[in-house]
Protein backbone atom coordinates (compact mmCIF):
# COMPACT_ATOMS: atom_id res chain seq x y z
CA UNK A 1 -60.53 -7.69 -37.69
CA UNK A 2 -57.21 -5.98 -36.90
CA UNK A 3 -55.43 -4.45 -39.85
CA UNK A 4 -51.66 -4.64 -39.76
CA UNK A 5 -49.49 -2.09 -41.47
CA UNK A 6 -47.26 -3.83 -43.99
CA UNK A 7 -43.77 -2.41 -44.21
CA UNK A 8 -41.04 -3.63 -46.50
CA UNK A 9 -38.00 -5.29 -44.95
CA UNK A 10 -35.54 -2.48 -45.60
CA UNK A 11 -37.84 0.09 -43.98
CA UNK A 12 -38.34 -2.24 -41.01
CA UNK A 13 -34.57 -2.76 -40.64
CA UNK A 14 -34.00 0.99 -40.81
CA UNK A 15 -36.52 1.56 -38.00
CA UNK A 16 -34.82 -1.07 -35.84
CA UNK A 17 -31.41 0.51 -36.51
CA UNK A 18 -32.70 3.95 -35.51
CA UNK A 19 -34.06 2.47 -32.28
CA UNK A 20 -30.66 0.89 -31.54
CA UNK A 21 -28.99 4.26 -32.07
CA UNK A 22 -31.50 6.01 -29.83
CA UNK A 23 -30.88 3.46 -27.07
CA UNK A 24 -27.27 4.68 -26.82
CA UNK A 25 -28.06 8.38 -27.22
CA UNK A 26 -26.70 8.82 -30.76
CA UNK A 27 -26.76 12.42 -32.02
CA UNK A 28 -28.21 13.95 -35.20
CA UNK A 29 -29.86 10.76 -36.46
CA UNK A 30 -30.93 10.86 -40.11
CA UNK A 31 -32.24 8.30 -42.56
CA UNK A 32 -31.53 8.88 -46.25
CA UNK A 33 -34.03 7.13 -48.52
CA UNK A 34 -32.03 6.09 -51.58
CA UNK A 35 -34.66 3.88 -53.19
CA UNK A 36 -35.58 6.37 -55.92
CA UNK A 37 -32.02 7.29 -56.87
CA UNK A 38 -30.47 5.64 -59.92
CA UNK A 39 -27.01 5.33 -58.45
CA UNK A 40 -28.02 4.01 -55.03
CA UNK A 41 -26.08 1.20 -53.42
CA UNK A 42 -28.76 0.32 -50.88
CA UNK A 43 -32.29 1.35 -49.91
CA UNK A 44 -31.34 3.44 -46.87
CA UNK A 45 -28.35 5.04 -45.22
CA UNK A 46 -28.78 5.60 -41.49
CA UNK A 47 -26.32 8.18 -40.17
CA UNK A 48 -25.58 9.38 -36.65
CA UNK A 49 -22.87 11.00 -34.58
CA UNK A 50 -21.29 10.12 -31.26
CA UNK A 51 -19.11 12.08 -28.86
CA UNK A 52 -16.38 9.46 -28.35
CA UNK A 53 -14.96 6.23 -29.74
CA UNK A 54 -16.53 4.41 -26.79
CA UNK A 55 -19.98 5.74 -27.72
CA UNK A 56 -19.42 4.89 -31.41
CA UNK A 57 -18.73 1.26 -30.42
CA UNK A 58 -21.68 1.17 -28.01
CA UNK A 59 -24.05 2.42 -30.72
CA UNK A 60 -22.75 -0.14 -33.22
CA UNK A 61 -23.19 -2.94 -30.67
CA UNK A 62 -26.71 -1.72 -29.88
CA UNK A 63 -27.75 -1.61 -33.55
CA UNK A 64 -26.38 -5.11 -34.14
CA UNK A 65 -28.11 -6.44 -31.03
CA UNK A 66 -31.49 -4.87 -31.86
CA UNK A 67 -31.47 -6.08 -35.47
CA UNK A 68 -30.39 -9.57 -34.42
CA UNK A 69 -33.10 -9.78 -31.72
CA UNK A 70 -35.82 -8.90 -34.23
CA UNK A 71 -34.56 -10.62 -37.41
CA UNK A 72 -31.74 -13.03 -36.47
CA UNK A 73 -29.64 -11.16 -39.04
CA UNK A 74 -26.00 -10.18 -38.67
CA UNK A 75 -24.38 -7.50 -40.80
CA UNK A 76 -22.99 -8.76 -44.08
CA UNK A 77 -19.95 -6.60 -43.50
CA UNK A 78 -18.73 -4.23 -40.81
CA UNK A 79 -15.78 -1.88 -40.84
CA UNK A 80 -14.07 0.53 -38.48
CA UNK A 81 -14.27 -1.22 -35.10
CA UNK A 82 -10.53 -0.84 -34.48
CA UNK A 83 -10.34 2.95 -34.47
CA UNK A 84 -14.08 3.55 -33.86
CA UNK A 85 -14.00 6.93 -35.59
CA UNK A 86 -16.48 5.73 -38.24
CA UNK A 87 -18.14 2.33 -38.02
CA UNK A 88 -20.17 1.01 -40.95
CA UNK A 89 -22.67 -1.83 -40.57
CA UNK A 90 -23.77 -3.15 -43.96
CA UNK A 91 -27.03 -5.10 -44.07
CA UNK A 92 -27.33 -4.93 -47.91
CA UNK A 93 -30.62 -3.03 -47.93
CA UNK A 94 -29.52 -0.59 -45.24
CA UNK A 95 -26.09 0.73 -44.33
CA UNK A 96 -25.59 2.25 -40.89
CA UNK A 97 -22.88 4.93 -40.55
CA UNK A 98 -21.83 5.80 -37.00
CA UNK A 99 -19.37 8.70 -36.86
CA UNK A 100 -17.45 10.58 -34.23
CA UNK A 101 -18.86 14.08 -34.66
CA UNK A 102 -15.75 15.64 -36.23
CA UNK A 103 -15.43 12.80 -38.77
CA UNK A 104 -19.06 13.18 -39.83
CA UNK A 105 -18.52 16.88 -40.46
CA UNK A 106 -15.36 16.12 -42.46
CA UNK A 107 -16.87 13.47 -44.77
CA UNK A 108 -20.28 15.10 -45.30
CA UNK A 109 -22.12 11.93 -46.37
CA UNK A 110 -25.47 13.72 -46.41
CA UNK A 111 -24.12 16.17 -48.98
CA UNK A 112 -22.99 13.35 -51.27
CA UNK A 113 -26.55 11.98 -51.35
CA UNK A 114 -28.29 15.36 -51.42
CA UNK A 115 -31.08 14.11 -53.73
CA UNK A 116 -32.23 11.52 -51.19
CA UNK A 117 -35.34 12.04 -49.10
CA UNK A 118 -34.14 12.77 -45.56
CA UNK A 119 -35.89 11.91 -42.30
CA UNK A 120 -34.50 13.18 -38.99
CA UNK A 121 -35.03 11.39 -35.67
CA UNK A 122 -34.76 12.59 -32.10
CA UNK A 123 -32.31 11.03 -29.69
CA UNK A 124 -34.03 9.08 -26.94
């Protein structure tokens, strides 16, 4: 008998999102686990940086494509495609933040959720 690891949906979505980011060489990828925080708005924030607006858009497209391929789910809401300095993909349980590097430094999202458990991922 083969035992299968059971993962909840939000964790699974976060893993798919990280893979989509890695496919387009996103930088400084982190996952903030917000599930144990009282004021959390979702289960996970996935955050990464990109070197240009073109790369920000490419990462966002890759994340959407990977999640759709595996779950047939589109983001509930997405913002920032016009300027591509900070694109947010909201899947309810996970929110993916894709920043141009200087914008990420300016907003400091990780600092705002400093109590969250943080997992870092390598770029592919």
